[in-house]
Amino acid sequence: MSASAPDEEAPRTAYRRFRDTNHARLPWLGPGLFTKVLYFVGYQRGVGGVQPLILDRLVASHLPAEAGVGRRNGWSSEEWLAYLRWAAEQAQARGIEPDAVEMAVGDDR
């Protein structure tokens, strides 16, 4: 049984909830930490498509402009989703997992 590729609404909602002090149980977590949580609880290996990935200062500092991340921290949900879309496209073109794209970006340092 194979799972279907995740849509963008679930990661968008999760990201926004972590940023919203009315919903976040741990309001002091910034995107660099809570995207790690989202990756570990939401990544679906072998499914493809847009997957939650870690976006911290290290990753952001090595992303190309076409990844859609304009700052080094404090990213909006739309910047994070642009990065996830970019990573999904790169992964599909290379025949690898989206998190392998993330790891390769970090290896470029």
PDB file of N, CA and C in Angstrom:
ATOM      1  N   MET A   1       0.844  -1.176   0.000  1.00  0.00           N
ATOM      2  CA  MET A   1       0.000   0.000   0.000  1.00  0.00           C
ATOM      3  C   MET A   1       0.886   1.234   0.000  1.00  0.00           C
ATOM      4  N   SER A   2       0.681   2.130  -0.943  1.00  0.00           N
ATOM      5  CA  SER A   2       1.498   3.338  -0.999  1.00  0.00           C
ATOM      6  C   SER A   2       0.675   4.549  -0.601  1.00  0.00           C
ATOM      7  N   ALA A   3       1.319   5.449   0.085  1.00  0.00           N
ATOM      8  CA  ALA A   3       0.654   6.677   0.499  1.00  0.00           C
ATOM      9  C   ALA A   3       0.694   7.667  -0.656  1.00  0.00           C
ATOM     10  N   SER A   4      -0.269   8.566  -0.697  1.00  0.00           N
ATOM     11  CA  SER A   4      -0.261   9.592  -1.735  1.00  0.00           C
ATOM     12  C   SER A   4       0.621  10.746  -1.289  1.00  0.00           C
ATOM     13  N   ALA A   5       1.123  11.486  -2.268  1.00  0.00           N
ATOM     14  CA  ALA A   5       1.981  12.626  -1.964  1.00  0.00           C
ATOM     15  C   ALA A   5       1.203  13.647  -1.143  1.00  0.00           C
ATOM     16  N   PRO A   6       1.853  14.201  -0.130  1.00  0.00           N
ATOM     17  CA  PRO A   6       1.174  15.168   0.723  1.00  0.00           C
ATOM     18  C   PRO A   6       0.871  16.459  -0.025  1.00  0.00           C
ATOM     19  N   ASP A   7      -0.237  17.112   0.354  1.00  0.00           N
ATOM     20  CA  ASP A   7      -0.530  18.405  -0.242  1.00  0.00           C
ATOM     21  C   ASP A   7       0.140  19.496   0.589  1.00  0.00           C
ATOM     22  N   GLU A   8       0.007  20.730   0.183  1.00  0.00           N
ATOM     23  CA  GLU A   8       0.702  21.822   0.854  1.00  0.00           C
ATOM     24  C   GLU A   8      -0.066  22.387   2.043  1.00  0.00           C
ATOM     25  N   GLU A   9      -1.334  22.094   2.159  1.00  0.00           N
ATOM     26  CA  GLU A   9      -2.119  22.720   3.226  1.00  0.00           C
ATOM     27  C   GLU A   9      -1.708  22.249   4.620  1.00  0.00           C
ATOM     28  N   ALA A  10      -1.397  20.974   4.772  1.00  0.00           N
ATOM     29  CA  ALA A  10      -0.994  20.462   6.093  1.00  0.00           C
ATOM     30  C   ALA A  10       0.299  21.109   6.589  1.00  0.00           C
ATOM     31  N   PRO A  11       1.380  21.143   5.785  1.00  0.00           N
ATOM     32  CA  PRO A  11       2.585  21.805   6.292  1.00  0.00           C
ATOM     33  C   PRO A  11       2.383  23.307   6.502  1.00  0.00           C
ATOM     34  N   ARG A  12       1.607  23.951   5.618  1.00  0.00           N
ATOM     35  CA  ARG A  12       1.339  25.388   5.779  1.00  0.00           C
ATOM     36  C   ARG A  12       0.641  25.644   7.108  1.00  0.00           C
ATOM     37  N   THR A  13      -0.390  24.870   7.404  1.00  0.00           N
ATOM     38  CA  THR A  13      -1.141  25.040   8.653  1.00  0.00           C
ATOM     39  C   THR A  13      -0.257  24.775   9.863  1.00  0.00           C
ATOM     40  N   ALA A  14       0.531  23.700   9.815  1.00  0.00           N
ATOM     41  CA  ALA A  14       1.416  23.371  10.936  1.00  0.00           C
ATOM     42  C   ALA A  14       2.419  24.490  11.172  1.00  0.00           C
ATOM     43  N   TYR A  15       3.007  25.014  10.120  1.00  0.00           N
ATOM     44  CA  TYR A  15       3.983  26.103  10.241  1.00  0.00           C
ATOM     45  C   TYR A  15       3.323  27.327  10.873  1.00  0.00           C
ATOM     46  N   ARG A  16       2.159  27.695  10.367  1.00  0.00           N
ATOM     47  CA  ARG A  16       1.456  28.869  10.891  1.00  0.00           C
ATOM     48  C   ARG A  16       1.062  28.689  12.357  1.00  0.00           C
ATOM     49  N   ARG A  17       0.687  27.480  12.732  1.00  0.00           N
ATOM     50  CA  ARG A  17       0.318  27.230  14.129  1.00  0.00           C
ATOM     51  C   ARG A  17       1.511  27.397  15.058  1.00  0.00           C
ATOM     52  N   PHE A  18       2.679  26.937  14.638  1.00  0.00           N
ATOM     53  CA  PHE A  18       3.875  27.125  15.459  1.00  0.00           C
ATOM     54  C   PHE A  18       4.205  28.610  15.612  1.00  0.00           C
ATOM     55  N   ARG A  19       3.909  29.414  14.603  1.00  0.00           N
ATOM     56  CA  ARG A  19       4.204  30.852  14.652  1.00  0.00           C
ATOM     57  C   ARG A  19       3.147  31.648  15.423  1.00  0.00           C
ATOM     58  N   ASP A  20       1.964  31.082  15.596  1.00  0.00           N
ATOM     59  CA  ASP A  20       0.840  31.773  16.233  1.00  0.00           C
ATOM     60  C   ASP A  20       0.869  31.555  17.740  1.00  0.00           C
ATOM     61  N   THR A  21       1.109  32.617  18.502  1.00  0.00           N
ATOM     62  CA  THR A  21       1.207  32.473  19.959  1.00  0.00           C
ATOM     63  C   THR A  21      -0.111  32.056  20.595  1.00  0.00           C
ATOM     64  N   ASN A  22      -1.227  32.195  19.899  1.00  0.00           N
ATOM     65  CA  ASN A  22      -2.514  31.729  20.427  1.00  0.00           C
ATOM     66  C   ASN A  22      -2.681  30.216  20.303  1.00  0.00           C
ATOM     67  N   HIS A  23      -1.897  29.580  19.442  1.00  0.00           N
ATOM     68  CA  HIS A  23      -2.007  28.137  19.223  1.00  0.00           C
ATOM     69  C   HIS A  23      -0.773  27.355  19.667  1.00  0.00           C
ATOM     70  N   ALA A  24       0.383  27.987  19.616  1.00  0.00           N
ATOM     71  CA  ALA A  24       1.641  27.284  19.899  1.00  0.00           C
ATOM     72  C   ALA A  24       1.763  26.952  21.379  1.00  0.00           C
ATOM     73  N   ARG A  25       2.040  25.714  21.672  1.00  0.00           N
ATOM     74  CA  ARG A  25       2.270  25.288  23.057  1.00  0.00           C
ATOM     75  C   ARG A  25       3.673  25.653  23.521  1.00  0.00           C
ATOM     76  N   LEU A  26       4.576  25.821  22.564  1.00  0.00           N
ATOM     77  CA  LEU A  26       5.963  26.180  22.849  1.00  0.00           C
ATOM     78  C   LEU A  26       6.292  27.450  22.059  1.00  0.00           C
ATOM     79  N   PRO A  27       5.765  28.596  22.494  1.00  0.00           N
ATOM     80  CA  PRO A  27       5.876  29.817  21.690  1.00  0.00           C
ATOM     81  C   PRO A  27       7.296  30.335  21.491  1.00  0.00           C
ATOM     82  N   TRP A  28       8.261  29.864  22.239  1.00  0.00           N
ATOM     83  CA  TRP A  28       9.623  30.358  22.084  1.00  0.00           C
ATOM     84  C   TRP A  28      10.392  29.646  20.973  1.00  0.00           C
ATOM     85  N   LEU A  29       9.818  28.607  20.393  1.00  0.00           N
ATOM     86  CA  LEU A  29      10.494  27.921  19.294  1.00  0.00           C
ATOM     87  C   LEU A  29      10.403  28.773  18.032  1.00  0.00           C
ATOM     88  N   GLY A  30      11.528  29.004  17.410  1.00  0.00           N
ATOM     89  CA  GLY A  30      11.547  29.703  16.137  1.00  0.00           C
ATOM     90  C   GLY A  30      11.536  28.706  14.991  1.00  0.00           C
ATOM     91  N   PRO A  31      11.457  29.205  13.757  1.00  0.00           N
ATOM     92  CA  PRO A  31      11.420  28.321  12.591  1.00  0.00           C
ATOM     93  C   PRO A  31      12.589  27.340  12.514  1.00  0.00           C
ATOM     94  N   GLY A  32      13.770  27.751  12.931  1.00  0.00           N
ATOM     95  CA  GLY A  32      14.924  26.853  12.898  1.00  0.00           C
ATOM     96  C   GLY A  32      14.731  25.607  13.739  1.00  0.00           C
ATOM     97  N   LEU A  33      13.959  25.722  14.814  1.00  0.00           N
ATOM     98  CA  LEU A  33      13.684  24.560  15.665  1.00  0.00           C
ATOM     99  C   LEU A  33      12.390  23.845  15.271  1.00  0.00           C
ATOM    100  N   PHE A  34      11.324  24.607  15.044  1.00  0.00           N
ATOM    101  CA  PHE A  34      10.075  23.891  14.781  1.00  0.00           C
ATOM    102  C   PHE A  34      10.017  23.257  13.399  1.00  0.00           C
ATOM    103  N   THR A  35      10.827  23.730  12.434  1.00  0.00           N
ATOM    104  CA  THR A  35      10.861  22.993  11.169  1.00  0.00           C
ATOM    105  C   THR A  35      11.552  21.643  11.345  1.00  0.00           C
ATOM    106  N   LYS A  36      12.428  21.551  12.342  1.00  0.00           N
ATOM    107  CA  LYS A  36      13.016  20.243  12.672  1.00  0.00           C
ATOM    108  C   LYS A  36      11.927  19.309  13.207  1.00  0.00           C
ATOM    109  N   VAL A  37      11.082  19.828  14.078  1.00  0.00           N
ATOM    110  CA  VAL A  37       9.960  19.032  14.606  1.00  0.00           C
ATOM    111  C   VAL A  37       9.053  18.597  13.459  1.00  0.00           C
ATOM    112  N   LEU A  38       8.700  19.526  12.583  1.00  0.00           N
ATOM    113  CA  LEU A  38       7.815  19.202  11.463  1.00  0.00           C
ATOM    114  C   LEU A  38       8.438  18.159  10.538  1.00  0.00           C
ATOM    115  N   TYR A  39       9.743  18.252  10.325  1.00  0.00           N
ATOM    116  CA  TYR A  39      10.428  17.249   9.501  1.00  0.00           C
ATOM    117  C   TYR A  39      10.329  15.870  10.140  1.00  0.00           C
ATOM    118  N   PHE A  40      10.662  15.775  11.423  1.00  0.00           N
ATOM    119  CA  PHE A  40      10.696  14.465  12.068  1.00  0.00           C
ATOM    120  C   PHE A  40       9.327  13.842  12.260  1.00  0.00           C
ATOM    121  N   VAL A  41       8.292  14.636  12.377  1.00  0.00           N
ATOM    122  CA  VAL A  41       6.953  14.050  12.540  1.00  0.00           C
ATOM    123  C   VAL A  41       6.180  13.944  11.232  1.00  0.00           C
ATOM    124  N   GLY A  42       6.597  14.689  10.203  1.00  0.00           N
ATOM    125  CA  GLY A  42       5.782  14.718   8.999  1.00  0.00           C
ATOM    126  C   GLY A  42       6.391  14.182   7.724  1.00  0.00           C
ATOM    127  N   TYR A  43       7.700  13.969   7.696  1.00  0.00           N
ATOM    128  CA  TYR A  43       8.333  13.506   6.462  1.00  0.00           C
ATOM    129  C   TYR A  43       7.884  12.085   6.144  1.00  0.00           C
ATOM    130  N   GLN A  44       7.516  11.861   4.882  1.00  0.00           N
ATOM    131  CA  GLN A  44       7.075  10.539   4.432  1.00  0.00           C
ATOM    132  C   GLN A  44       8.031  10.032   3.354  1.00  0.00           C
ATOM    133  N   ARG A  45       8.935   9.202   3.747  1.00  0.00           N
ATOM    134  CA  ARG A  45       9.937   8.666   2.827  1.00  0.00           C
ATOM    135  C   ARG A  45       9.269   7.831   1.727  1.00  0.00           C
ATOM    136  N   GLY A  46       9.750   8.021   0.503  1.00  0.00           N
ATOM    137  CA  GLY A  46       9.263   7.250  -0.628  1.00  0.00           C
ATOM    138  C   GLY A  46       7.983   7.763  -1.250  1.00  0.00           C
ATOM    139  N   VAL A  47       7.454   8.863  -0.761  1.00  0.00           N
ATOM    140  CA  VAL A  47       6.183   9.383  -1.260  1.00  0.00           C
ATOM    141  C   VAL A  47       6.391  10.464  -2.310  1.00  0.00           C
ATOM    142  N   GLY A  48       7.452  11.246  -2.166  1.00  0.00           N
ATOM    143  CA  GLY A  48       7.715  12.339  -3.095  1.00  0.00           C
ATOM    144  C   GLY A  48       6.844  13.543  -2.819  1.00  0.00           C
ATOM    145  N   GLY A  49       6.900  14.492  -3.713  1.00  0.00           N
ATOM    146  CA  GLY A  49       6.107  15.707  -3.563  1.00  0.00           C
ATOM    147  C   GLY A  49       6.673  16.634  -2.502  1.00  0.00           C
ATOM    148  N   VAL A  50       5.853  17.580  -2.109  1.00  0.00           N
ATOM    149  CA  VAL A  50       6.252  18.567  -1.103  1.00  0.00           C
ATOM    150  C   VAL A  50       6.288  17.895   0.259  1.00  0.00           C
ATOM    151  N   GLN A  51       7.464  17.898   0.865  1.00  0.00           N
ATOM    152  CA  GLN A  51       7.685  17.261   2.163  1.00  0.00           C
ATOM    153  C   GLN A  51       8.202  18.309   3.146  1.00  0.00           C
ATOM    154  N   PRO A  52       7.857  18.206   4.431  1.00  0.00           N
ATOM    155  CA  PRO A  52       8.417  19.146   5.401  1.00  0.00           C
ATOM    156  C   PRO A  52       9.920  18.921   5.559  1.00  0.00           C
ATOM    157  N   LEU A  53      10.664  20.006   5.423  1.00  0.00           N
ATOM    158  CA  LEU A  53      12.113  19.959   5.555  1.00  0.00           C
ATOM    159  C   LEU A  53      12.571  20.995   6.566  1.00  0.00           C
ATOM    160  N   ILE A  54      13.765  20.812   7.059  1.00  0.00           N
ATOM    161  CA  ILE A  54      14.346  21.735   8.024  1.00  0.00           C
ATOM    162  C   ILE A  54      14.796  23.003   7.301  1.00  0.00           C
ATOM    163  N   LEU A  55      14.441  24.135   7.897  1.00  0.00           N
ATOM    164  CA  LEU A  55      14.931  25.418   7.409  1.00  0.00           C
ATOM    165  C   LEU A  55      15.479  26.182   8.604  1.00  0.00           C
ATOM    166  N   ASP A  56      16.782  26.143   8.726  1.00  0.00           N
ATOM    167  CA  ASP A  56      17.452  26.899   9.784  1.00  0.00           C
ATOM    168  C   ASP A  56      18.459  27.831   9.115  1.00  0.00           C
ATOM    169  N   ARG A  57      19.221  28.560   9.907  1.00  0.00           N
ATOM    170  CA  ARG A  57      20.170  29.535   9.350  1.00  0.00           C
ATOM    171  C   ARG A  57      21.210  28.885   8.449  1.00  0.00           C
ATOM    172  N   LEU A  58      21.677  27.712   8.828  1.00  0.00           N
ATOM    173  CA  LEU A  58      22.687  27.032   8.024  1.00  0.00           C
ATOM    174  C   LEU A  58      22.141  26.678   6.646  1.00  0.00           C
ATOM    175  N   VAL A  59      20.975  26.053   6.612  1.00  0.00           N
ATOM    176  CA  VAL A  59      20.370  25.692   5.327  1.00  0.00           C
ATOM    177  C   VAL A  59      20.080  26.949   4.519  1.00  0.00           C
ATOM    178  N   ALA A  60      19.438  27.939   5.145  1.00  0.00           N
ATOM    179  CA  ALA A  60      19.060  29.169   4.436  1.00  0.00           C
ATOM    180  C   ALA A  60      20.274  29.879   3.845  1.00  0.00           C
ATOM    181  N   SER A  61      21.388  29.843   4.541  1.00  0.00           N
ATOM    182  CA  SER A  61      22.570  30.552   4.053  1.00  0.00           C
ATOM    183  C   SER A  61      23.190  29.898   2.817  1.00  0.00           C
ATOM    184  N   HIS A  62      22.799  28.664   2.518  1.00  0.00           N
ATOM    185  CA  HIS A  62      23.359  27.958   1.369  1.00  0.00           C
ATOM    186  C   HIS A  62      22.354  27.737   0.231  1.00  0.00           C
ATOM    187  N   LEU A  63      21.134  28.209   0.412  1.00  0.00           N
ATOM    188  CA  LEU A  63      20.128  28.005  -0.627  1.00  0.00           C
ATOM    189  C   LEU A  63      20.325  28.986  -1.782  1.00  0.00           C
ATOM    190  N   PRO A  64      20.107  28.521  -3.005  1.00  0.00           N
ATOM    191  CA  PRO A  64      20.163  29.439  -4.139  1.00  0.00           C
ATOM    192  C   PRO A  64      18.921  30.338  -4.151  1.00  0.00           C
ATOM    193  N   ALA A  65      18.996  31.446  -4.840  1.00  0.00           N
ATOM    194  CA  ALA A  65      17.887  32.400  -4.899  1.00  0.00           C
ATOM    195  C   ALA A  65      16.597  31.749  -5.396  1.00  0.00           C
ATOM    196  N   GLU A  66      16.723  30.796  -6.325  1.00  0.00           N
ATOM    197  CA  GLU A  66      15.517  30.167  -6.885  1.00  0.00           C
ATOM    198  C   GLU A  66      14.756  29.310  -5.879  1.00  0.00           C
ATOM    199  N   ALA A  67      15.335  29.061  -4.719  1.00  0.00           N
ATOM    200  CA  ALA A  67      14.632  28.309  -3.666  1.00  0.00           C
ATOM    201  C   ALA A  67      13.567  29.165  -2.986  1.00  0.00           C
ATOM    202  N   GLY A  68      13.615  30.474  -3.179  1.00  0.00           N
ATOM    203  CA  GLY A  68      12.557  31.338  -2.672  1.00  0.00           C
ATOM    204  C   GLY A  68      12.687  31.797  -1.233  1.00  0.00           C
ATOM    205  N   VAL A  69      13.845  31.607  -0.623  1.00  0.00           N
ATOM    206  CA  VAL A  69      14.068  32.029   0.760  1.00  0.00           C
ATOM    207  C   VAL A  69      14.921  33.290   0.720  1.00  0.00           C
ATOM    208  N   GLY A  70      14.322  34.406   1.147  1.00  0.00           N
ATOM    209  CA  GLY A  70      15.005  35.676   1.018  1.00  0.00           C
ATOM    210  C   GLY A  70      15.783  36.133   2.229  1.00  0.00           C
ATOM    211  N   ARG A  71      15.569  35.524   3.369  1.00  0.00           N
ATOM    212  CA  ARG A  71      16.240  35.974   4.596  1.00  0.00           C
ATOM    213  C   ARG A  71      16.993  34.823   5.224  1.00  0.00           C
ATOM    214  N   ARG A  72      17.770  35.128   6.215  1.00  0.00           N
ATOM    215  CA  ARG A  72      18.526  34.084   6.914  1.00  0.00           C
ATOM    216  C   ARG A  72      17.756  33.503   8.092  1.00  0.00           C
ATOM    217  N   ASN A  73      16.701  34.178   8.548  1.00  0.00           N
ATOM    218  CA  ASN A  73      15.860  33.634   9.620  1.00  0.00           C
ATOM    219  C   ASN A  73      14.515  34.355   9.636  1.00  0.00           C
ATOM    220  N   GLY A  74      13.581  33.849  10.431  1.00  0.00           N
ATOM    221  CA  GLY A  74      12.269  34.459  10.551  1.00  0.00           C
ATOM    222  C   GLY A  74      11.403  34.324   9.323  1.00  0.00           C
ATOM    223  N   TRP A  75      11.478  33.202   8.661  1.00  0.00           N
ATOM    224  CA  TRP A  75      10.802  32.995   7.394  1.00  0.00           C
ATOM    225  C   TRP A  75       9.298  32.893   7.558  1.00  0.00           C
ATOM    226  N   SER A  76       8.594  33.326   6.518  1.00  0.00           N
ATOM    227  CA  SER A  76       7.137  33.173   6.475  1.00  0.00           C
ATOM    228  C   SER A  76       6.811  31.753   6.025  1.00  0.00           C
ATOM    229  N   SER A  77       5.559  31.363   6.234  1.00  0.00           N
ATOM    230  CA  SER A  77       5.137  30.039   5.781  1.00  0.00           C
ATOM    231  C   SER A  77       5.268  29.929   4.265  1.00  0.00           C
ATOM    232  N   GLU A  78       5.039  31.027   3.549  1.00  0.00           N
ATOM    233  CA  GLU A  78       5.134  30.983   2.084  1.00  0.00           C
ATOM    234  C   GLU A  78       6.578  30.824   1.615  1.00  0.00           C
ATOM    235  N   GLU A  79       7.540  31.412   2.337  1.00  0.00           N
ATOM    236  CA  GLU A  79       8.947  31.193   1.994  1.00  0.00           C
ATOM    237  C   GLU A  79       9.326  29.738   2.233  1.00  0.00           C
ATOM    238  N   TRP A  80       8.869  29.185   3.350  1.00  0.00           N
ATOM    239  CA  TRP A  80       9.153  27.785   3.652  1.00  0.00           C
ATOM    240  C   TRP A  80       8.562  26.881   2.576  1.00  0.00           C
ATOM    241  N   LEU A  81       7.310  27.158   2.173  1.00  0.00           N
ATOM    242  CA  LEU A  81       6.676  26.344   1.131  1.00  0.00           C
ATOM    243  C   LEU A  81       7.378  26.493  -0.216  1.00  0.00           C
ATOM    244  N   ALA A  82       7.865  27.686  -0.530  1.00  0.00           N
ATOM    245  CA  ALA A  82       8.627  27.872  -1.768  1.00  0.00           C
ATOM    246  C   ALA A  82       9.875  26.990  -1.744  1.00  0.00           C
ATOM    247  N   TYR A  83      10.547  26.953  -0.602  1.00  0.00           N
ATOM    248  CA  TYR A  83      11.719  26.091  -0.430  1.00  0.00           C
ATOM    249  C   TYR A  83      11.340  24.618  -0.578  1.00  0.00           C
ATOM    250  N   LEU A  84      10.221  24.210   0.025  1.00  0.00           N
ATOM    251  CA  LEU A  84       9.785  22.817  -0.073  1.00  0.00           C
ATOM    252  C   LEU A  84       9.452  22.447  -1.516  1.00  0.00           C
ATOM    253  N   ARG A  85       8.810  23.355  -2.243  1.00  0.00           N
ATOM    254  CA  ARG A  85       8.499  23.108  -3.660  1.00  0.00           C
ATOM    255  C   ARG A  85       9.784  22.968  -4.472  1.00  0.00           C
ATOM    256  N   TRP A  86      10.723  23.887  -4.230  1.00  0.00           N
ATOM    257  CA  TRP A  86      12.008  23.841  -4.933  1.00  0.00           C
ATOM    258  C   TRP A  86      12.722  22.518  -4.660  1.00  0.00           C
ATOM    259  N   ALA A  87      12.771  22.108  -3.397  1.00  0.00           N
ATOM    260  CA  ALA A  87      13.438  20.848  -3.035  1.00  0.00           C
ATOM    261  C   ALA A  87      12.737  19.656  -3.683  1.00  0.00           C
ATOM    262  N   ALA A  88      11.403  19.688  -3.752  1.00  0.00           N
ATOM    263  CA  ALA A  88      10.649  18.597  -4.385  1.00  0.00           C
ATOM    264  C   ALA A  88      10.975  18.514  -5.875  1.00  0.00           C
ATOM    265  N   GLU A  89      11.073  19.665  -6.527  1.00  0.00           N
ATOM    266  CA  GLU A  89      11.430  19.683  -7.955  1.00  0.00           C
ATOM    267  C   GLU A  89      12.843  19.156  -8.179  1.00  0.00           C
ATOM    268  N   GLN A  90      13.770  19.602  -7.340  1.00  0.00           N
ATOM    269  CA  GLN A  90      15.156  19.130  -7.444  1.00  0.00           C
ATOM    270  C   GLN A  90      15.235  17.621  -7.211  1.00  0.00           C
ATOM    271  N   ALA A  91      14.505  17.154  -6.226  1.00  0.00           N
ATOM    272  CA  ALA A  91      14.513  15.723  -5.904  1.00  0.00           C
ATOM    273  C   ALA A  91      13.958  14.900  -7.059  1.00  0.00           C
ATOM    274  N   GLN A  92      12.843  15.350  -7.620  1.00  0.00           N
ATOM    275  CA  GLN A  92      12.238  14.615  -8.728  1.00  0.00           C
ATOM    276  C   GLN A  92      13.183  14.577  -9.928  1.00  0.00           C
ATOM    277  N   ALA A  93      13.818  15.694 -10.228  1.00  0.00           N
ATOM    278  CA  ALA A  93      14.736  15.759 -11.373  1.00  0.00           C
ATOM    279  C   ALA A  93      15.951  14.851 -11.181  1.00  0.00           C
ATOM    280  N   ARG A  94      16.383  14.681  -9.940  1.00  0.00           N
ATOM    281  CA  ARG A  94      17.576  13.883  -9.647  1.00  0.00           C
ATOM    282  C   ARG A  94      17.262  12.443  -9.250  1.00  0.00           C
ATOM    283  N   GLY A  95      15.986  12.142  -9.024  1.00  0.00           N
ATOM    284  CA  GLY A  95      15.609  10.799  -8.608  1.00  0.00           C
ATOM    285  C   GLY A  95      16.016  10.484  -7.180  1.00  0.00           C
ATOM    286  N   ILE A  96      15.967  11.480  -6.311  1.00  0.00           N
ATOM    287  CA  ILE A  96      16.346  11.306  -4.908  1.00  0.00           C
ATOM    288  C   ILE A  96      15.229  11.819  -4.005  1.00  0.00           C
ATOM    289  N   GLU A  97      15.396  11.634  -2.722  1.00  0.00           N
ATOM    290  CA  GLU A  97      14.439  12.138  -1.731  1.00  0.00           C
ATOM    291  C   GLU A  97      14.632  13.646  -1.531  1.00  0.00           C
ATOM    292  N   PRO A  98      13.550  14.380  -1.222  1.00  0.00           N
ATOM    293  CA  PRO A  98      13.694  15.806  -0.932  1.00  0.00           C
ATOM    294  C   PRO A  98      14.665  16.107   0.210  1.00  0.00           C
ATOM    295  N   ASP A  99      14.719  15.248   1.223  1.00  0.00           N
ATOM    296  CA  ASP A  99      15.657  15.542   2.313  1.00  0.00           C
ATOM    297  C   ASP A  99      17.110  15.347   1.874  1.00  0.00           C
ATOM    298  N   ALA A 100      17.344  14.576   0.819  1.00  0.00           N
ATOM    299  CA  ALA A 100      18.699  14.462   0.278  1.00  0.00           C
ATOM    300  C   ALA A 100      19.112  15.771  -0.389  1.00  0.00           C
ATOM    301  N   VAL A 101      18.148  16.488  -0.968  1.00  0.00           N
ATOM    302  CA  VAL A 101      18.432  17.813  -1.535  1.00  0.00           C
ATOM    303  C   VAL A 101      18.847  18.753  -0.407  1.00  0.00           C
ATOM    304  N   GLU A 102      18.092  18.723   0.693  1.00  0.00           N
ATOM    305  CA  GLU A 102      18.432  19.561   1.854  1.00  0.00           C
ATOM    306  C   GLU A 102      19.839  19.250   2.360  1.00  0.00           C
ATOM    307  N   MET A 103      20.159  17.977   2.480  1.00  0.00           N
ATOM    308  CA  MET A 103      21.483  17.586   2.980  1.00  0.00           C
ATOM    309  C   MET A 103      22.585  18.014   2.023  1.00  0.00           C
ATOM    310  N   ALA A 104      22.329  17.932   0.720  1.00  0.00           N
ATOM    311  CA  ALA A 104      23.323  18.342  -0.266  1.00  0.00           C
ATOM    312  C   ALA A 104      23.579  19.845  -0.198  1.00  0.00           C
ATOM    313  N   VAL A 105      22.551  20.622   0.088  1.00  0.00           N
ATOM    314  CA  VAL A 105      22.715  22.067   0.239  1.00  0.00           C
ATOM    315  C   VAL A 105      23.657  22.354   1.387  1.00  0.00           C
ATOM    316  N   GLY A 106      23.470  21.675   2.505  1.00  0.00           N
ATOM    317  CA  GLY A 106      24.336  21.862   3.666  1.00  0.00           C
ATOM    318  C   GLY A 106      25.755  21.409   3.425  1.00  0.00           C
ATOM    319  N   ASP A 107      25.938  20.445   2.512  1.00  0.00           N
ATOM    320  CA  ASP A 107      27.279  19.939   2.205  1.00  0.00           C
ATOM    321  C   ASP A 107      28.084  20.892   1.332  1.00  0.00           C
ATOM    322  N   ASP A 108      27.403  21.891   0.772  1.00  0.00           N
ATOM    323  CA  ASP A 108      28.090  22.833  -0.114  1.00  0.00           C
ATOM    324  C   ASP A 108      28.942  23.857   0.628  1.00  0.00           C
ATOM    325  N   ARG A 109      28.954  23.799   1.932  1.00  0.00           N
ATOM    326  CA  ARG A 109      29.688  24.823   2.694  1.00  0.00           C
ATOM    327  C   ARG A 109      31.169  24.632   2.643  1.00  0.00           C
TER     328      ARG A 109
END
